[in-house]
Amino acid sequence: MANLRSPRALLARIRAVHEAIRDEVVAACERQSTDELSAVVGDDAGDTVFAVDRISETVLLERFADLARDWPCLLVAEGLGHDGRRFLPDGARAEDAEIVILVDPIDGTRGLMVQKRPAWVLTGVAPYRGGTETLADIALAVQTEIPLVKQHLCDTMWAVAGEGAQAERFDRLTGARRPLALRPSRATTILQGFGGLSRFFPGARAELGAIDDEVVERVLGPTVKGRALSFEDQYISSAGQLYELTIGHDRWVADLRPIIEPLVQARGRALGICSHPYDLCTELIAREAGVIVTDPTGARLAAPLDVFFDVAWTGYANEAIRDAVAPALDAALRARGLVAGA
């Protein structure tokens, strides 16, 4: 499979790493206050680092250093020096690397540390090809839920390229595990469904909100007094959004932050934070489950496996939803000169 040696054994090892990170972070959330967990302790690749992030990073490095004794790798993650890259095991060189492992130990930190929403441990694995790998090369992915303290059920999803996606639900109280069906929505319209544009942070909400409203009106028509035509849920986690698409909760998502920078700059403002490749390193799972994940032009995501690149992406639960929404989204972007051919 895709030049990965012993992919099933590798998958099992990565799932064990994820569970160790999940358990350590949940334990920290149980014993520490929100103020302690949310203390700012650094700034990596333009993203604020909180105390809870350091807990996961420690477990991550220890566990992946052990895994690398069997699969020498290039580990890519925030917190690994100025470039977010480290060859493992210690002493390994580039020519020793067999795989690239791109990791986000906590995607959704802000929601988790104040106990608003679950976060996710993310890992994507690609064959090592000298440092030129992209998201399109990821051949194995694992995504594990870090639950809220009050939440006893938590999910794990995984995929091997070309073999479909699988999932499991874990009961923290009993230790029981059971298969979880991944069923993206089969709805053929966005009417009365959840979806929309990511607009998490101040600075670009006006532009993103205007595009969102325009897309929905193009698809469903003008708002009707006393009725809600569709709904949105701003889950501040790219992995969480992919999960919502994959499990059947959401019908579409578009994260356009990187490509609206010209509009923000025209107002003399900075764009702010965007999604990075590590936030999307498990999009393979969604695609293997049937979700359509692309860049805003409809092409396959192919961002480099680093900690710096800004990634814009769209996700549709099925072809009918894509066929309804994508033309409207494209028209809105072209009208603003944000995609080629405008």
C-alpha atoms as a PDB file:
ATOM      1  CA  MET A   1       0.000   0.000   0.000  1.00  0.00           C
ATOM      2  CA  ALA A   2       1.476   3.351  -1.184  1.00  0.00           C
ATOM      3  CA  ASN A   3       5.038   2.340  -0.299  1.00  0.00           C
ATOM      4  CA  LEU A   4       4.376   2.203   3.436  1.00  0.00           C
ATOM      5  CA  ARG A   5       5.958  -0.796   5.114  1.00  0.00           C
ATOM      6  CA  SER A   6       3.653  -2.811   7.405  1.00  0.00           C
ATOM      7  CA  PRO A   7       0.876  -0.199   7.344  1.00  0.00           C
ATOM      8  CA  ARG A   8      -1.393  -2.130   9.726  1.00  0.00           C
ATOM      9  CA  ALA A   9       1.325  -2.431  12.353  1.00  0.00           C
ATOM     10  CA  LEU A  10       2.161   1.245  11.895  1.00  0.00           C
ATOM     11  CA  LEU A  11      -1.512   2.147  12.278  1.00  0.00           C
ATOM     12  CA  ALA A  12      -1.712   0.233  15.566  1.00  0.00           C
ATOM     13  CA  ARG A  13       1.353   2.021  16.920  1.00  0.00           C
ATOM     14  CA  ILE A  14       0.025   5.443  15.976  1.00  0.00           C
ATOM     15  CA  ARG A  15      -3.333   4.696  17.565  1.00  0.00           C
ATOM     16  CA  ALA A  16      -1.490   3.819  20.783  1.00  0.00           C
ATOM     17  CA  VAL A  17       0.380   7.146  20.641  1.00  0.00           C
ATOM     18  CA  HIS A  18      -2.916   8.970  20.176  1.00  0.00           C
ATOM     19  CA  GLU A  19      -4.514   7.231  23.130  1.00  0.00           C
ATOM     20  CA  ALA A  20      -1.561   8.131  25.344  1.00  0.00           C
ATOM     21  CA  ILE A  21      -1.841  11.793  24.338  1.00  0.00           C
ATOM     22  CA  ARG A  22      -5.622  11.748  24.797  1.00  0.00           C
ATOM     23  CA  ASP A  23      -5.415  10.223  28.268  1.00  0.00           C
ATOM     24  CA  GLU A  24      -2.658  12.560  29.440  1.00  0.00           C
ATOM     25  CA  VAL A  25      -4.492  15.664  28.240  1.00  0.00           C
ATOM     26  CA  VAL A  26      -7.822  14.572  29.748  1.00  0.00           C
ATOM     27  CA  ALA A  27      -6.067  13.878  33.062  1.00  0.00           C
ATOM     28  CA  ALA A  28      -4.541  17.363  32.960  1.00  0.00           C
ATOM     29  CA  CYS A  29      -7.949  18.894  32.265  1.00  0.00           C
ATOM     30  CA  GLU A  30      -9.355  17.041  35.275  1.00  0.00           C
ATOM     31  CA  ARG A  31      -6.681  18.189  37.708  1.00  0.00           C
ATOM     32  CA  GLN A  32      -5.863  21.716  36.500  1.00  0.00           C
ATOM     33  CA  SER A  33      -7.936  24.855  36.248  1.00  0.00           C
ATOM     34  CA  THR A  34      -8.848  26.590  33.022  1.00  0.00           C
ATOM     35  CA  ASP A  35      -6.520  29.453  33.937  1.00  0.00           C
ATOM     36  CA  GLU A  36      -3.601  27.045  34.331  1.00  0.00           C
ATOM     37  CA  LEU A  37      -4.286  25.222  31.067  1.00  0.00           C
ATOM     38  CA  SER A  38      -4.814  28.424  29.084  1.00  0.00           C
ATOM     39  CA  ALA A  39      -1.642  30.171  30.242  1.00  0.00           C
ATOM     40  CA  VAL A  40       0.322  31.389  27.209  1.00  0.00           C
ATOM     41  CA  VAL A  41       3.752  29.747  27.160  1.00  0.00           C
ATOM     42  CA  GLY A  42       5.045  30.477  23.671  1.00  0.00           C
ATOM     43  CA  ASP A  43       4.461  31.214  20.007  1.00  0.00           C
ATOM     44  CA  ASP A  44       5.259  28.665  17.274  1.00  0.00           C
ATOM     45  CA  ALA A  45       4.731  29.204  13.534  1.00  0.00           C
ATOM     46  CA  GLY A  46       2.546  32.212  14.292  1.00  0.00           C
ATOM     47  CA  ASP A  47       0.162  30.310  16.555  1.00  0.00           C
ATOM     48  CA  THR A  48      -0.142  30.891  20.283  1.00  0.00           C
ATOM     49  CA  VAL A  49       1.055  27.994  22.440  1.00  0.00           C
ATOM     50  CA  PHE A  50      -0.850  27.295  25.661  1.00  0.00           C
ATOM     51  CA  ALA A  51       0.185  25.283  28.704  1.00  0.00           C
ATOM     52  CA  VAL A  52      -2.082  22.391  27.664  1.00  0.00           C
ATOM     53  CA  ASP A  53      -0.171  22.190  24.353  1.00  0.00           C
ATOM     54  CA  ARG A  54       3.084  21.509  26.183  1.00  0.00           C
ATOM     55  CA  ILE A  55       1.542  18.493  27.920  1.00  0.00           C
ATOM     56  CA  SER A  56       0.685  16.857  24.604  1.00  0.00           C
ATOM     57  CA  GLU A  57       4.013  17.784  22.989  1.00  0.00           C
ATOM     58  CA  THR A  58       5.970  15.971  25.694  1.00  0.00           C
ATOM     59  CA  VAL A  59       4.019  12.742  25.202  1.00  0.00           C
ATOM     60  CA  LEU A  60       4.192  13.127  21.429  1.00  0.00           C
ATOM     61  CA  LEU A  61       7.979  13.345  21.271  1.00  0.00           C
ATOM     62  CA  GLU A  62       8.535  10.456  23.675  1.00  0.00           C
ATOM     63  CA  ARG A  63       6.109   8.148  21.880  1.00  0.00           C
ATOM     64  CA  PHE A  64       7.154   8.940  18.330  1.00  0.00           C
ATOM     65  CA  ALA A  65      10.825   8.614  19.255  1.00  0.00           C
ATOM     66  CA  ASP A  66      10.011   5.057  20.308  1.00  0.00           C
ATOM     67  CA  LEU A  67       8.013   4.366  17.128  1.00  0.00           C
ATOM     68  CA  ALA A  68      10.906   5.679  15.019  1.00  0.00           C
ATOM     69  CA  ARG A  69      13.125   2.827  16.175  1.00  0.00           C
ATOM     70  CA  ASP A  70      11.008   0.644  13.865  1.00  0.00           C
ATOM     71  CA  TRP A  71      10.055   3.280  11.262  1.00  0.00           C
ATOM     72  CA  PRO A  72      12.824   5.918  10.961  1.00  0.00           C
ATOM     73  CA  CYS A  73      11.021   9.152  10.155  1.00  0.00           C
ATOM     74  CA  LEU A  74      10.921  12.851   9.686  1.00  0.00           C
ATOM     75  CA  LEU A  75       8.542  14.128  12.378  1.00  0.00           C
ATOM     76  CA  VAL A  76       6.833  17.422  11.522  1.00  0.00           C
ATOM     77  CA  ALA A  77       4.964  19.258  14.272  1.00  0.00           C
ATOM     78  CA  GLU A  78       4.865  22.549  16.115  1.00  0.00           C
ATOM     79  CA  GLY A  79       7.285  22.792  19.010  1.00  0.00           C
ATOM     80  CA  LEU A  80      10.160  20.988  17.257  1.00  0.00           C
ATOM     81  CA  GLY A  81      12.462  23.969  16.881  1.00  0.00           C
ATOM     82  CA  HIS A  82      12.212  26.872  14.465  1.00  0.00           C
ATOM     83  CA  ASP A  83      11.250  24.755  11.447  1.00  0.00           C
ATOM     84  CA  GLY A  84       9.038  22.162  13.160  1.00  0.00           C
ATOM     85  CA  ARG A  85      11.069  19.228  11.793  1.00  0.00           C
ATOM     86  CA  ARG A  86      13.094  16.513  13.485  1.00  0.00           C
ATOM     87  CA  PHE A  87      14.571  13.260  12.215  1.00  0.00           C
ATOM     88  CA  LEU A  88      13.979  10.322  14.532  1.00  0.00           C
ATOM     89  CA  PRO A  89      15.316   8.280  16.211  1.00  0.00           C
ATOM     90  CA  ASP A  90      17.950  10.640  17.587  1.00  0.00           C
ATOM     91  CA  GLY A  91      21.001  10.572  15.383  1.00  0.00           C
ATOM     92  CA  ALA A  92      19.054   9.652  12.259  1.00  0.00           C
ATOM     93  CA  ARG A  93      19.827  11.515   9.044  1.00  0.00           C
ATOM     94  CA  ALA A  94      17.663  12.427   6.076  1.00  0.00           C
ATOM     95  CA  GLU A  95      18.825   9.381   4.116  1.00  0.00           C
ATOM     96  CA  ASP A  96      17.649   7.141   6.967  1.00  0.00           C
ATOM     97  CA  ALA A  97      14.039   8.368   6.907  1.00  0.00           C
ATOM     98  CA  GLU A  98      11.410   5.972   5.650  1.00  0.00           C
ATOM     99  CA  ILE A  99       8.289   8.033   6.299  1.00  0.00           C
ATOM    100  CA  VAL A 100       7.144  11.568   7.094  1.00  0.00           C
ATOM    101  CA  ILE A 101       4.819  11.879  10.081  1.00  0.00           C
ATOM    102  CA  LEU A 102       2.841  15.122  10.268  1.00  0.00           C
ATOM    103  CA  VAL A 103       1.200  15.610  13.663  1.00  0.00           C
ATOM    104  CA  ASP A 104      -1.052  18.037  15.461  1.00  0.00           C
ATOM    105  CA  PRO A 105      -1.192  16.786  19.063  1.00  0.00           C
ATOM    106  CA  ILE A 106      -4.169  19.028  19.879  1.00  0.00           C
ATOM    107  CA  ASP A 107      -6.317  20.534  17.143  1.00  0.00           C
ATOM    108  CA  GLY A 108      -8.975  22.634  18.834  1.00  0.00           C
ATOM    109  CA  THR A 109      -6.916  23.700  21.862  1.00  0.00           C
ATOM    110  CA  ARG A 110      -8.945  26.824  22.588  1.00  0.00           C
ATOM    111  CA  GLY A 111     -12.256  25.031  22.811  1.00  0.00           C
ATOM    112  CA  LEU A 112     -10.842  22.182  24.875  1.00  0.00           C
ATOM    113  CA  MET A 113      -9.022  24.200  27.495  1.00  0.00           C
ATOM    114  CA  VAL A 114     -12.201  26.056  28.444  1.00  0.00           C
ATOM    115  CA  GLN A 115     -14.222  22.823  28.087  1.00  0.00           C
ATOM    116  CA  LYS A 116     -16.474  24.078  25.286  1.00  0.00           C
ATOM    117  CA  ARG A 117     -15.754  21.501  22.561  1.00  0.00           C
ATOM    118  CA  PRO A 118     -13.659  18.326  22.200  1.00  0.00           C
ATOM    119  CA  ALA A 119     -10.279  18.578  20.501  1.00  0.00           C
ATOM    120  CA  TRP A 120      -8.447  16.068  18.274  1.00  0.00           C
ATOM    121  CA  VAL A 121      -5.088  14.335  17.989  1.00  0.00           C
ATOM    122  CA  LEU A 122      -4.102  14.218  14.303  1.00  0.00           C
ATOM    123  CA  THR A 123      -1.489  12.228  12.397  1.00  0.00           C
ATOM    124  CA  GLY A 124      -0.874  11.853   8.682  1.00  0.00           C
ATOM    125  CA  VAL A 125       1.867   9.600   7.277  1.00  0.00           C
ATOM    126  CA  ALA A 126       3.469   9.789   3.836  1.00  0.00           C
ATOM    127  CA  PRO A 127       6.426   7.946   2.297  1.00  0.00           C
ATOM    128  CA  TYR A 128       9.552  10.077   2.668  1.00  0.00           C
ATOM    129  CA  ARG A 129      10.740  11.510  -0.647  1.00  0.00           C
ATOM    130  CA  GLY A 130      13.421  13.947   0.368  1.00  0.00           C
ATOM    131  CA  GLY A 131      11.219  16.611   1.925  1.00  0.00           C
ATOM    132  CA  THR A 132       8.988  17.367  -1.080  1.00  0.00           C
ATOM    133  CA  GLU A 133       5.924  15.555   0.272  1.00  0.00           C
ATOM    134  CA  THR A 134       2.478  17.214   0.280  1.00  0.00           C
ATOM    135  CA  LEU A 135      -0.949  16.498   1.717  1.00  0.00           C
ATOM    136  CA  ALA A 136      -1.687  14.562  -1.478  1.00  0.00           C
ATOM    137  CA  ASP A 137       1.032  12.047  -0.516  1.00  0.00           C
ATOM    138  CA  ILE A 138      -0.495  11.099   2.844  1.00  0.00           C
ATOM    139  CA  ALA A 139      -1.317   7.400   2.721  1.00  0.00           C
ATOM    140  CA  LEU A 140      -2.326   6.709   6.339  1.00  0.00           C
ATOM    141  CA  ALA A 141      -4.189   8.955   8.765  1.00  0.00           C
ATOM    142  CA  VAL A 142      -5.520   8.725  12.307  1.00  0.00           C
ATOM    143  CA  GLN A 143      -7.785  11.188  14.118  1.00  0.00           C
ATOM    144  CA  THR A 144      -8.581  10.700  17.819  1.00  0.00           C
ATOM    145  CA  GLU A 145     -11.016  12.714  19.902  1.00  0.00           C
ATOM    146  CA  ILE A 146      -9.869  14.347  23.139  1.00  0.00           C
ATOM    147  CA  PRO A 147     -13.171  14.485  25.023  1.00  0.00           C
ATOM    148  CA  LEU A 148     -14.420  17.032  27.502  1.00  0.00           C
ATOM    149  CA  VAL A 149     -14.043  16.029  31.139  1.00  0.00           C
ATOM    150  CA  LYS A 150     -17.816  15.487  31.408  1.00  0.00           C
ATOM    151  CA  GLN A 151     -17.885  13.376  28.221  1.00  0.00           C
ATOM    152  CA  HIS A 152     -17.556   9.603  28.560  1.00  0.00           C
ATOM    153  CA  LEU A 153     -17.652   8.629  24.862  1.00  0.00           C
ATOM    154  CA  CYS A 154     -14.920   9.547  22.383  1.00  0.00           C
ATOM    155  CA  ASP A 155     -14.239   8.579  18.785  1.00  0.00           C
ATOM    156  CA  THR A 156     -11.259   7.549  16.690  1.00  0.00           C
ATOM    157  CA  MET A 157     -11.227   7.502  12.894  1.00  0.00           C
ATOM    158  CA  TRP A 158      -8.537   6.157  10.592  1.00  0.00           C
ATOM    159  CA  ALA A 159      -7.871   5.379   6.957  1.00  0.00           C
ATOM    160  CA  VAL A 160      -5.329   3.696   4.731  1.00  0.00           C
ATOM    161  CA  ALA A 161      -5.358   5.123   1.199  1.00  0.00           C
ATOM    162  CA  GLY A 162      -7.544   3.096  -1.126  1.00  0.00           C
ATOM    163  CA  GLU A 163      -9.020   0.948   1.642  1.00  0.00           C
ATOM    164  CA  GLY A 164     -11.834   3.136   2.969  1.00  0.00           C
ATOM    165  CA  ALA A 165     -12.260   4.754   6.369  1.00  0.00           C
ATOM    166  CA  GLN A 166     -13.036   3.110   9.693  1.00  0.00           C
ATOM    167  CA  ALA A 167     -13.946   4.365  13.136  1.00  0.00           C
ATOM    168  CA  GLU A 168     -14.403   3.247  16.719  1.00  0.00           C
ATOM    169  CA  ARG A 169     -16.232   4.680  19.738  1.00  0.00           C
ATOM    170  CA  PHE A 170     -14.536   4.273  23.129  1.00  0.00           C
ATOM    171  CA  ASP A 171     -16.341   4.367  26.476  1.00  0.00           C
ATOM    172  CA  ARG A 172     -14.021   5.942  29.069  1.00  0.00           C
ATOM    173  CA  LEU A 173     -16.138   4.605  31.942  1.00  0.00           C
ATOM    174  CA  THR A 174     -16.224   0.931  30.966  1.00  0.00           C
ATOM    175  CA  GLY A 175     -13.300   0.628  28.552  1.00  0.00           C
ATOM    176  CA  ALA A 176     -15.652  -0.835  25.926  1.00  0.00           C
ATOM    177  CA  ARG A 177     -14.954  -0.239  22.249  1.00  0.00           C
ATOM    178  CA  ARG A 178     -17.390  -0.643  19.386  1.00  0.00           C
ATOM    179  CA  PRO A 179     -17.291   0.052  15.650  1.00  0.00           C
ATOM    180  CA  LEU A 180     -18.657   3.400  14.548  1.00  0.00           C
ATOM    181  CA  ALA A 181     -20.275   3.827  11.139  1.00  0.00           C
ATOM    182  CA  LEU A 182     -19.084   6.811   9.125  1.00  0.00           C
ATOM    183  CA  ARG A 183     -21.989   8.104   7.052  1.00  0.00           C
ATOM    184  CA  PRO A 184     -21.643  11.535   5.425  1.00  0.00           C
ATOM    185  CA  SER A 185     -25.006  13.188   4.834  1.00  0.00           C
ATOM    186  CA  ARG A 186     -26.955  11.946   1.821  1.00  0.00           C
ATOM    187  CA  ALA A 187     -29.035  15.116   1.669  1.00  0.00           C
ATOM    188  CA  THR A 188     -29.211  16.673  -1.777  1.00  0.00           C
ATOM    189  CA  THR A 189     -29.789  20.236  -0.578  1.00  0.00           C
ATOM    190  CA  ILE A 190     -28.364  22.523   2.087  1.00  0.00           C
ATOM    191  CA  LEU A 191     -31.899  23.543   3.076  1.00  0.00           C
ATOM    192  CA  GLN A 192     -32.369  23.074   6.829  1.00  0.00           C
ATOM    193  CA  GLY A 193     -28.837  21.691   7.125  1.00  0.00           C
ATOM    194  CA  PHE A 194     -25.642  22.783   8.844  1.00  0.00           C
ATOM    195  CA  GLY A 195     -22.786  24.297   6.857  1.00  0.00           C
ATOM    196  CA  GLY A 196     -21.002  27.491   5.949  1.00  0.00           C
ATOM    197  CA  LEU A 197     -17.747  29.414   5.943  1.00  0.00           C
ATOM    198  CA  SER A 198     -15.188  29.316   8.730  1.00  0.00           C
ATOM    199  CA  ARG A 199     -14.920  32.760  10.302  1.00  0.00           C
ATOM    200  CA  PHE A 200     -13.565  32.111  13.745  1.00  0.00           C
ATOM    201  CA  PHE A 201     -11.582  35.251  14.493  1.00  0.00           C
ATOM    202  CA  PRO A 202     -11.965  39.041  14.228  1.00  0.00           C
ATOM    203  CA  GLY A 203     -10.466  40.844  11.252  1.00  0.00           C
ATOM    204  CA  ALA A 204     -12.041  39.005   8.328  1.00  0.00           C
ATOM    205  CA  ARG A 205     -15.577  38.235   9.459  1.00  0.00           C
ATOM    206  CA  ALA A 206     -17.204  40.952   7.362  1.00  0.00           C
ATOM    207  CA  GLU A 207     -15.782  39.584   4.104  1.00  0.00           C
ATOM    208  CA  LEU A 208     -16.362  35.942   4.981  1.00  0.00           C
ATOM    209  CA  GLY A 209     -19.878  36.585   6.245  1.00  0.00           C
ATOM    210  CA  ALA A 210     -20.776  38.439   3.046  1.00  0.00           C
ATOM    211  CA  ILE A 211     -19.526  35.532   0.909  1.00  0.00           C
ATOM    212  CA  ASP A 212     -21.411  33.032   3.079  1.00  0.00           C
ATOM    213  CA  ASP A 213     -24.678  34.972   2.788  1.00  0.00           C
ATOM    214  CA  GLU A 214     -24.226  35.343  -0.971  1.00  0.00           C
ATOM    215  CA  VAL A 215     -23.613  31.621  -1.470  1.00  0.00           C
ATOM    216  CA  VAL A 216     -26.641  30.568   0.544  1.00  0.00           C
ATOM    217  CA  GLU A 217     -28.890  33.059  -1.235  1.00  0.00           C
ATOM    218  CA  ARG A 218     -27.677  31.881  -4.638  1.00  0.00           C
ATOM    219  CA  VAL A 219     -28.488  28.290  -3.675  1.00  0.00           C
ATOM    220  CA  LEU A 220     -31.695  28.696  -1.648  1.00  0.00           C
ATOM    221  CA  GLY A 221     -32.990  32.119  -2.560  1.00  0.00           C
ATOM    222  CA  PRO A 222     -33.564  35.097  -0.238  1.00  0.00           C
ATOM    223  CA  THR A 223     -34.277  34.692   3.433  1.00  0.00           C
ATOM    224  CA  VAL A 224     -37.937  34.152   4.282  1.00  0.00           C
ATOM    225  CA  LYS A 225     -39.309  36.136   7.201  1.00  0.00           C
ATOM    226  CA  GLY A 226     -39.743  33.925  10.251  1.00  0.00           C
ATOM    227  CA  ARG A 227     -37.774  30.985   8.797  1.00  0.00           C
ATOM    228  CA  ALA A 228     -34.196  29.759   8.967  1.00  0.00           C
ATOM    229  CA  LEU A 229     -33.129  28.286   5.628  1.00  0.00           C
ATOM    230  CA  SER A 230     -29.858  26.845   6.915  1.00  0.00           C
ATOM    231  CA  PHE A 231     -27.653  26.796   9.993  1.00  0.00           C
ATOM    232  CA  GLU A 232     -23.986  27.166  10.871  1.00  0.00           C
ATOM    233  CA  ASP A 233     -21.758  25.771  13.624  1.00  0.00           C
ATOM    234  CA  GLN A 234     -18.386  27.455  14.080  1.00  0.00           C
ATOM    235  CA  TYR A 235     -16.348  24.520  15.394  1.00  0.00           C
ATOM    236  CA  ILE A 236     -12.897  26.079  15.881  1.00  0.00           C
ATOM    237  CA  SER A 237     -11.029  23.001  14.680  1.00  0.00           C
ATOM    238  CA  SER A 238     -10.405  21.927  11.091  1.00  0.00           C
ATOM    239  CA  ALA A 239     -10.324  18.304  12.273  1.00  0.00           C
ATOM    240  CA  GLY A 240     -13.597  18.848  14.101  1.00  0.00           C
ATOM    241  CA  GLN A 241     -15.146  20.213  10.911  1.00  0.00           C
ATOM    242  CA  LEU A 242     -13.917  17.200   8.943  1.00  0.00           C
ATOM    243  CA  TYR A 243     -15.400  14.939  11.616  1.00  0.00           C
ATOM    244  CA  GLU A 244     -18.767  16.709  11.394  1.00  0.00           C
ATOM    245  CA  LEU A 245     -18.791  16.172   7.627  1.00  0.00           C
ATOM    246  CA  THR A 246     -17.691  12.555   7.907  1.00  0.00           C
ATOM    247  CA  ILE A 247     -20.151  11.576  10.637  1.00  0.00           C
ATOM    248  CA  GLY A 248     -23.076  13.181   8.807  1.00  0.00           C
ATOM    249  CA  HIS A 249     -23.733  16.290  10.893  1.00  0.00           C
ATOM    250  CA  ASP A 250     -22.637  18.990   8.413  1.00  0.00           C
ATOM    251  CA  ARG A 251     -23.322  19.223   4.684  1.00  0.00           C
ATOM    252  CA  TRP A 252     -20.558  21.618   3.617  1.00  0.00           C
ATOM    253  CA  VAL A 253     -17.675  23.658   4.965  1.00  0.00           C
ATOM    254  CA  ALA A 254     -15.392  26.212   3.329  1.00  0.00           C
ATOM    255  CA  ASP A 255     -12.322  27.676   5.015  1.00  0.00           C
ATOM    256  CA  LEU A 256     -11.276  30.523   2.737  1.00  0.00           C
ATOM    257  CA  ARG A 257      -9.151  32.574   5.106  1.00  0.00           C
ATOM    258  CA  PRO A 258      -5.888  32.409   3.112  1.00  0.00           C
ATOM    259  CA  ILE A 259      -7.417  33.524  -0.176  1.00  0.00           C
ATOM    260  CA  ILE A 260      -9.309  36.549   1.169  1.00  0.00           C
ATOM    261  CA  GLU A 261      -6.105  38.248   2.257  1.00  0.00           C
ATOM    262  CA  PRO A 262      -6.343  40.878  -0.550  1.00  0.00           C
ATOM    263  CA  LEU A 263      -9.718  42.020   0.781  1.00  0.00           C
ATOM    264  CA  VAL A 264      -8.369  42.286   4.320  1.00  0.00           C
ATOM    265  CA  GLN A 265      -5.222  44.104   3.202  1.00  0.00           C
ATOM    266  CA  ALA A 266      -7.330  46.606   1.254  1.00  0.00           C
ATOM    267  CA  ARG A 267      -8.736  47.701   4.605  1.00  0.00           C
ATOM    268  CA  GLY A 268      -5.251  48.015   6.052  1.00  0.00           C
ATOM    269  CA  ARG A 269      -5.660  44.940   8.246  1.00  0.00           C
ATOM    270  CA  ALA A 270      -3.654  41.749   8.749  1.00  0.00           C
ATOM    271  CA  LEU A 271      -5.263  38.412   7.942  1.00  0.00           C
ATOM    272  CA  GLY A 272      -4.496  36.675  11.245  1.00  0.00           C
ATOM    273  CA  ILE A 273      -4.304  32.935  11.819  1.00  0.00           C
ATOM    274  CA  CYS A 274      -5.178  30.344   9.144  1.00  0.00           C
ATOM    275  CA  SER A 275      -5.278  26.558   8.945  1.00  0.00           C
ATOM    276  CA  HIS A 276      -1.916  24.846   8.354  1.00  0.00           C
ATOM    277  CA  PRO A 277      -1.120  21.459   6.789  1.00  0.00           C
ATOM    278  CA  TYR A 278      -1.069  19.744  10.181  1.00  0.00           C
ATOM    279  CA  ASP A 279      -4.683  20.849  10.719  1.00  0.00           C
ATOM    280  CA  LEU A 280      -5.662  19.027   7.500  1.00  0.00           C
ATOM    281  CA  CYS A 281      -3.330  16.030   7.771  1.00  0.00           C
ATOM    282  CA  THR A 282      -6.293  13.654   8.287  1.00  0.00           C
ATOM    283  CA  GLU A 283      -8.426  14.823   5.361  1.00  0.00           C
ATOM    284  CA  LEU A 284      -7.663  11.409   3.818  1.00  0.00           C
ATOM    285  CA  ILE A 285     -10.148   9.900   6.285  1.00  0.00           C
ATOM    286  CA  ALA A 286     -12.970  12.158   5.147  1.00  0.00           C
ATOM    287  CA  ARG A 287     -12.226  11.454   1.482  1.00  0.00           C
ATOM    288  CA  GLU A 288     -12.033   7.703   2.046  1.00  0.00           C
ATOM    289  CA  ALA A 289     -15.449   7.949   3.764  1.00  0.00           C
ATOM    290  CA  GLY A 290     -16.925   9.687   0.717  1.00  0.00           C
ATOM    291  CA  VAL A 291     -16.610  13.371   1.618  1.00  0.00           C
ATOM    292  CA  ILE A 292     -15.375  15.595  -1.222  1.00  0.00           C
ATOM    293  CA  VAL A 293     -12.401  17.632   0.047  1.00  0.00           C
ATOM    294  CA  THR A 294     -10.668  20.099  -2.294  1.00  0.00           C
ATOM    295  CA  ASP A 295      -9.061  23.498  -2.464  1.00  0.00           C
ATOM    296  CA  PRO A 296     -11.360  26.417  -3.416  1.00  0.00           C
ATOM    297  CA  THR A 297     -10.792  25.751  -7.130  1.00  0.00           C
ATOM    298  CA  GLY A 298     -11.830  22.094  -6.854  1.00  0.00           C
ATOM    299  CA  ALA A 299      -8.298  20.658  -6.961  1.00  0.00           C
ATOM    300  CA  ARG A 300      -6.820  18.095  -4.571  1.00  0.00           C
ATOM    301  CA  LEU A 301      -5.188  19.564  -1.462  1.00  0.00           C
ATOM    302  CA  ALA A 302      -1.430  19.539  -2.026  1.00  0.00           C
ATOM    303  CA  ALA A 303       0.102  21.835   0.569  1.00  0.00           C
ATOM    304  CA  PRO A 304       3.660  20.998   1.685  1.00  0.00           C
ATOM    305  CA  LEU A 305       4.020  19.007   4.894  1.00  0.00           C
ATOM    306  CA  ASP A 306       5.298  21.846   7.067  1.00  0.00           C
ATOM    307  CA  VAL A 307       4.096  24.028   9.942  1.00  0.00           C
ATOM    308  CA  PHE A 308       3.898  27.322   8.060  1.00  0.00           C
ATOM    309  CA  PHE A 309       1.821  27.029   4.878  1.00  0.00           C
ATOM    310  CA  ASP A 310      -1.685  28.561   4.963  1.00  0.00           C
ATOM    311  CA  VAL A 311      -4.324  26.180   3.595  1.00  0.00           C
ATOM    312  CA  ALA A 312      -7.733  27.074   2.156  1.00  0.00           C
ATOM    313  CA  TRP A 313     -10.119  24.166   1.682  1.00  0.00           C
ATOM    314  CA  THR A 314     -13.697  23.144   1.003  1.00  0.00           C
ATOM    315  CA  GLY A 315     -15.605  20.048   2.044  1.00  0.00           C
ATOM    316  CA  TYR A 316     -18.888  18.694   0.705  1.00  0.00           C
ATOM    317  CA  ALA A 317     -20.822  15.746   2.123  1.00  0.00           C
ATOM    318  CA  ASN A 318     -21.619  14.379  -1.338  1.00  0.00           C
ATOM    319  CA  GLU A 319     -21.680  15.206  -5.041  1.00  0.00           C
ATOM    320  CA  ALA A 320     -25.182  16.688  -4.967  1.00  0.00           C
ATOM    321  CA  ILE A 321     -24.193  19.180  -2.268  1.00  0.00           C
ATOM    322  CA  ARG A 322     -20.998  20.041  -4.142  1.00  0.00           C
ATOM    323  CA  ASP A 323     -22.896  20.540  -7.382  1.00  0.00           C
ATOM    324  CA  ALA A 324     -25.312  22.883  -5.612  1.00  0.00           C
ATOM    325  CA  VAL A 325     -22.821  24.918  -3.577  1.00  0.00           C
ATOM    326  CA  ALA A 326     -19.524  24.954  -5.490  1.00  0.00           C
ATOM    327  CA  PRO A 327     -20.774  27.022  -8.470  1.00  0.00           C
ATOM    328  CA  ALA A 328     -22.273  29.607  -6.117  1.00  0.00           C
ATOM    329  CA  LEU A 329     -19.079  29.750  -4.084  1.00  0.00           C
ATOM    330  CA  ASP A 330     -16.976  30.045  -7.225  1.00  0.00           C
ATOM    331  CA  ALA A 331     -19.144  32.901  -8.524  1.00  0.00           C
ATOM    332  CA  ALA A 332     -18.825  34.774  -5.226  1.00  0.00           C
ATOM    333  CA  LEU A 333     -15.048  34.396  -5.250  1.00  0.00           C
ATOM    334  CA  ARG A 334     -14.686  35.383  -8.904  1.00  0.00           C
ATOM    335  CA  ALA A 335     -16.817  38.477  -8.358  1.00  0.00           C
ATOM    336  CA  ARG A 336     -14.278  39.582  -5.765  1.00  0.00           C
ATOM    337  CA  GLY A 337     -11.216  38.677  -7.844  1.00  0.00           C
ATOM    338  CA  LEU A 338     -10.146  35.964  -5.405  1.00  0.00           C
ATOM    339  CA  VAL A 339      -9.757  33.082  -7.857  1.00  0.00           C
ATOM    340  CA  ALA A 340      -8.223  32.967 -11.315  1.00  0.00           C
ATOM    341  CA  GLY A 341     -10.363  33.894 -14.278  1.00  0.00           C
ATOM    342  CA  ALA A 342     -12.340  36.590 -12.505  1.00  0.00           C
END
